[in-house]
């Protein structure tokens, strides 16, 4: 009976860790897209002080959110991006 509990606990833990990895890469992609969109908006108009503050905050958020994916190759990133909603 105890081995069954360990099996289910292990299976649940594996599922949670797997999902966590996908969420973090999806979060990284989301913040990267937000930063890209902000740069695109600023390309068409002059940045205000508020815009500069927002860009700095997005850059900081991207650095912390995407840190573990900095050395990931483009093809792998695209493959994992496809799993995001």
N, C-alpha and C. Protein backbone atom coordinates (compact mmCIF):
# COMPACT_ATOMS: atom_id res chain seq x y z
N UNK A 1 0.82 -1.18 0.00
CA UNK A 1 0.00 0.00 0.00
C UNK A 1 0.87 1.26 0.00
N UNK A 2 1.94 1.27 0.78
CA UNK A 2 2.80 2.44 0.85
C UNK A 2 3.49 2.69 -0.49
N UNK A 3 3.87 1.64 -1.18
CA UNK A 3 4.54 1.83 -2.46
C UNK A 3 3.60 2.49 -3.47
N UNK A 4 2.32 2.21 -3.37
CA UNK A 4 1.34 2.84 -4.25
C UNK A 4 1.28 4.35 -3.97
N UNK A 5 1.33 4.71 -2.69
CA UNK A 5 1.30 6.14 -2.34
C UNK A 5 2.54 6.85 -2.86
N UNK A 6 3.70 6.22 -2.73
CA UNK A 6 4.94 6.81 -3.23
C UNK A 6 4.89 6.96 -4.75
N UNK A 7 4.33 5.96 -5.41
CA UNK A 7 4.22 6.01 -6.87
C UNK A 7 3.37 7.21 -7.30
N UNK A 8 2.19 7.37 -6.69
CA UNK A 8 1.31 8.48 -7.05
C UNK A 8 1.91 9.83 -6.68
N UNK A 9 2.60 9.91 -5.54
CA UNK A 9 3.26 11.14 -5.14
C UNK A 9 4.36 11.49 -6.14
N UNK A 10 5.13 10.50 -6.54
CA UNK A 10 6.19 10.72 -7.52
C UNK A 10 5.63 11.17 -8.87
N UNK A 11 4.55 10.54 -9.30
CA UNK A 11 3.92 10.89 -10.56
C UNK A 11 3.36 12.32 -10.51
N UNK A 12 2.73 12.66 -9.40
CA UNK A 12 2.20 14.01 -9.24
C UNK A 12 3.32 15.05 -9.23
N UNK A 13 4.40 14.75 -8.53
CA UNK A 13 5.55 15.67 -8.48
C UNK A 13 6.13 15.88 -9.87
N UNK A 14 6.28 14.81 -10.62
CA UNK A 14 6.81 14.91 -11.97
C UNK A 14 5.91 15.78 -12.84
N UNK A 15 4.63 15.61 -12.73
CA UNK A 15 3.68 16.41 -13.51
C UNK A 15 3.79 17.89 -13.14
N UNK A 16 3.89 18.18 -11.87
CA UNK A 16 3.99 19.57 -11.43
C UNK A 16 5.28 20.22 -11.90
N UNK A 17 6.39 19.51 -11.82
CA UNK A 17 7.66 20.07 -12.27
C UNK A 17 7.66 20.27 -13.78
N UNK A 18 7.04 19.37 -14.50
CA UNK A 18 6.97 19.50 -15.96
C UNK A 18 6.15 20.72 -16.34
N UNK A 19 5.04 20.91 -15.69
CA UNK A 19 4.19 22.06 -15.99
C UNK A 19 4.89 23.36 -15.62
N UNK A 20 5.60 23.37 -14.54
CA UNK A 20 6.30 24.57 -14.10
C UNK A 20 7.30 25.06 -15.12
N UNK A 21 8.00 24.14 -15.77
CA UNK A 21 8.97 24.53 -16.77
C UNK A 21 8.32 25.19 -17.97
N UNK A 22 7.19 24.67 -18.40
CA UNK A 22 6.49 25.25 -19.54
C UNK A 22 5.94 26.62 -19.18
N UNK A 23 5.42 26.77 -17.97
CA UNK A 23 4.89 28.07 -17.57
C UNK A 23 5.98 29.12 -17.57
N UNK A 24 7.17 28.78 -17.09
CA UNK A 24 8.22 29.79 -17.03
C UNK A 24 8.68 30.19 -18.42
N UNK A 25 8.75 29.26 -19.35
CA UNK A 25 9.16 29.65 -20.70
C UNK A 25 8.05 30.47 -21.35
N UNK A 26 6.82 30.14 -21.06
CA UNK A 26 5.71 30.92 -21.60
C UNK A 26 5.71 32.33 -21.00
N UNK A 27 6.01 32.44 -19.72
CA UNK A 27 6.12 33.76 -19.09
C UNK A 27 7.25 34.57 -19.74
N UNK A 28 8.35 33.91 -20.02
CA UNK A 28 9.48 34.56 -20.68
C UNK A 28 9.07 35.08 -22.05
N UNK A 29 8.37 34.28 -22.79
CA UNK A 29 7.95 34.67 -24.13
C UNK A 29 6.95 35.82 -24.05
N UNK A 30 6.04 35.77 -23.08
CA UNK A 30 5.05 36.85 -22.92
C UNK A 30 5.73 38.19 -22.63
N UNK A 31 6.67 38.18 -21.69
CA UNK A 31 7.33 39.44 -21.34
C UNK A 31 8.21 39.93 -22.50
N UNK A 32 8.80 39.02 -23.23
CA UNK A 32 9.60 39.41 -24.41
C UNK A 32 8.70 40.04 -25.46
N UNK A 33 7.52 39.47 -25.66
CA UNK A 33 6.57 40.03 -26.63
C UNK A 33 6.09 41.41 -26.19
N UNK A 34 5.85 41.58 -24.88
CA UNK A 34 5.43 42.89 -24.37
C UNK A 34 6.51 43.94 -24.64
N UNK A 35 7.76 43.57 -24.42
CA UNK A 35 8.86 44.50 -24.65
C UNK A 35 8.98 44.83 -26.14
N UNK A 36 8.87 43.83 -26.99
CA UNK A 36 8.93 44.05 -28.43
C UNK A 36 7.80 44.98 -28.88
N UNK A 37 6.60 44.75 -28.36
CA UNK A 37 5.46 45.60 -28.72
C UNK A 37 5.67 47.04 -28.26
N UNK A 38 6.23 47.20 -27.08
CA UNK A 38 6.50 48.55 -26.56
C UNK A 38 7.52 49.26 -27.46
N UNK A 39 8.58 48.55 -27.86
CA UNK A 39 9.57 49.14 -28.76
C UNK A 39 8.92 49.53 -30.09
N UNK A 40 8.02 48.70 -30.57
CA UNK A 40 7.32 48.99 -31.83
C UNK A 40 6.47 50.25 -31.69
N UNK A 41 5.78 50.40 -30.56
CA UNK A 41 4.99 51.61 -30.32
C UNK A 41 5.89 52.85 -30.30
N UNK A 42 7.04 52.72 -29.64
CA UNK A 42 7.94 53.87 -29.50
C UNK A 42 8.62 54.24 -30.81
N UNK A 43 8.68 53.29 -31.72
CA UNK A 43 9.29 53.57 -33.02
C UNK A 43 8.47 54.60 -33.80
N UNK A 44 7.17 54.64 -33.53
CA UNK A 44 6.26 55.53 -34.25
C UNK A 44 6.03 56.86 -33.54
N UNK A 45 6.51 56.99 -32.31
CA UNK A 45 6.34 58.25 -31.59
C UNK A 45 7.53 58.45 -30.65
N UNK A 46 7.68 59.63 -30.19
CA UNK A 46 8.77 59.90 -29.26
C UNK A 46 8.43 59.37 -27.87
N UNK A 47 9.41 58.80 -27.19
CA UNK A 47 9.13 58.24 -25.86
C UNK A 47 8.97 59.34 -24.80
N UNK A 48 8.01 59.14 -23.92
CA UNK A 48 7.82 60.03 -22.79
C UNK A 48 8.61 59.45 -21.61
N UNK A 49 8.63 60.18 -20.52
CA UNK A 49 9.31 59.69 -19.31
C UNK A 49 8.63 58.41 -18.82
N UNK A 50 7.31 58.36 -18.92
CA UNK A 50 6.57 57.17 -18.49
C UNK A 50 6.93 55.96 -19.37
N UNK A 51 7.08 56.22 -20.68
CA UNK A 51 7.47 55.14 -21.60
C UNK A 51 8.85 54.60 -21.24
N UNK A 52 9.77 55.50 -20.96
CA UNK A 52 11.13 55.06 -20.60
C UNK A 52 11.11 54.24 -19.31
N UNK A 53 10.30 54.65 -18.37
CA UNK A 53 10.18 53.92 -17.11
C UNK A 53 9.60 52.53 -17.36
N UNK A 54 8.58 52.45 -18.23
CA UNK A 54 7.96 51.16 -18.55
C UNK A 54 8.94 50.23 -19.26
N UNK A 55 9.72 50.77 -20.18
CA UNK A 55 10.71 49.96 -20.90
C UNK A 55 11.75 49.41 -19.93
N UNK A 56 12.23 50.25 -19.02
CA UNK A 56 13.20 49.79 -18.03
C UNK A 56 12.63 48.69 -17.16
N UNK A 57 11.37 48.83 -16.76
CA UNK A 57 10.71 47.80 -15.94
C UNK A 57 10.56 46.50 -16.72
N UNK A 58 10.20 46.60 -18.00
CA UNK A 58 10.06 45.40 -18.83
C UNK A 58 11.40 44.71 -19.05
N UNK A 59 12.45 45.49 -19.24
CA UNK A 59 13.79 44.91 -19.41
C UNK A 59 14.20 44.16 -18.15
N UNK A 60 13.95 44.77 -17.00
CA UNK A 60 14.29 44.12 -15.74
C UNK A 60 13.48 42.83 -15.55
N UNK A 61 12.18 42.90 -15.86
CA UNK A 61 11.32 41.72 -15.75
C UNK A 61 11.78 40.62 -16.70
N UNK A 62 12.16 41.00 -17.91
CA UNK A 62 12.62 40.01 -18.89
C UNK A 62 13.90 39.33 -18.42
N UNK A 63 14.83 40.12 -17.86
CA UNK A 63 16.09 39.54 -17.39
C UNK A 63 15.85 38.50 -16.31
N UNK A 64 14.96 38.79 -15.38
CA UNK A 64 14.71 37.83 -14.30
C UNK A 64 13.88 36.64 -14.78
N UNK A 65 12.89 36.90 -15.63
CA UNK A 65 12.00 35.83 -16.09
C UNK A 65 12.69 34.88 -17.06
N UNK A 66 13.58 35.41 -17.89
CA UNK A 66 14.18 34.62 -18.97
C UNK A 66 15.59 34.14 -18.66
N UNK A 67 16.06 34.37 -17.45
CA UNK A 67 17.44 34.05 -17.11
C UNK A 67 17.82 32.61 -17.45
N UNK A 68 16.96 31.66 -17.12
CA UNK A 68 17.31 30.25 -17.34
C UNK A 68 17.27 29.84 -18.81
N UNK A 69 16.77 30.72 -19.68
CA UNK A 69 16.65 30.38 -21.10
C UNK A 69 17.61 31.17 -21.97
N UNK A 70 18.53 31.92 -21.38
CA UNK A 70 19.43 32.78 -22.14
C UNK A 70 20.26 32.03 -23.17
N UNK A 71 20.67 30.83 -22.86
CA UNK A 71 21.55 30.08 -23.76
C UNK A 71 20.82 29.05 -24.61
N UNK A 72 19.49 29.10 -24.57
CA UNK A 72 18.70 28.17 -25.36
C UNK A 72 18.76 28.57 -26.82
N UNK A 73 18.90 27.60 -27.70
CA UNK A 73 18.96 27.85 -29.12
C UNK A 73 17.62 28.23 -29.71
N UNK A 74 17.65 28.89 -30.84
CA UNK A 74 16.44 29.35 -31.51
C UNK A 74 15.45 28.24 -31.84
N UNK A 75 15.90 27.14 -32.45
CA UNK A 75 14.97 26.07 -32.79
C UNK A 75 14.26 25.48 -31.56
N UNK A 76 15.01 25.29 -30.48
CA UNK A 76 14.39 24.75 -29.26
C UNK A 76 13.40 25.76 -28.68
N UNK A 77 13.76 27.04 -28.71
CA UNK A 77 12.86 28.08 -28.20
C UNK A 77 11.56 28.09 -28.99
N UNK A 78 11.65 28.00 -30.31
CA UNK A 78 10.44 27.98 -31.15
C UNK A 78 9.58 26.76 -30.87
N UNK A 79 10.23 25.62 -30.66
CA UNK A 79 9.51 24.38 -30.36
C UNK A 79 8.76 24.53 -29.04
N UNK A 80 9.41 25.08 -28.03
CA UNK A 80 8.78 25.23 -26.73
C UNK A 80 7.74 26.34 -26.74
N UNK A 81 7.95 27.36 -27.59
CA UNK A 81 6.98 28.44 -27.71
C UNK A 81 5.66 27.91 -28.23
N UNK A 82 5.72 26.90 -29.09
CA UNK A 82 4.50 26.32 -29.66
C UNK A 82 3.60 25.67 -28.60
N UNK A 83 4.17 25.35 -27.43
CA UNK A 83 3.37 24.73 -26.37
C UNK A 83 2.64 25.77 -25.52
N UNK A 84 2.97 27.04 -25.71
CA UNK A 84 2.33 28.12 -24.94
C UNK A 84 0.98 28.49 -25.54
N UNK A 85 0.11 28.97 -24.68
CA UNK A 85 -1.22 29.37 -25.14
C UNK A 85 -1.27 30.84 -25.41
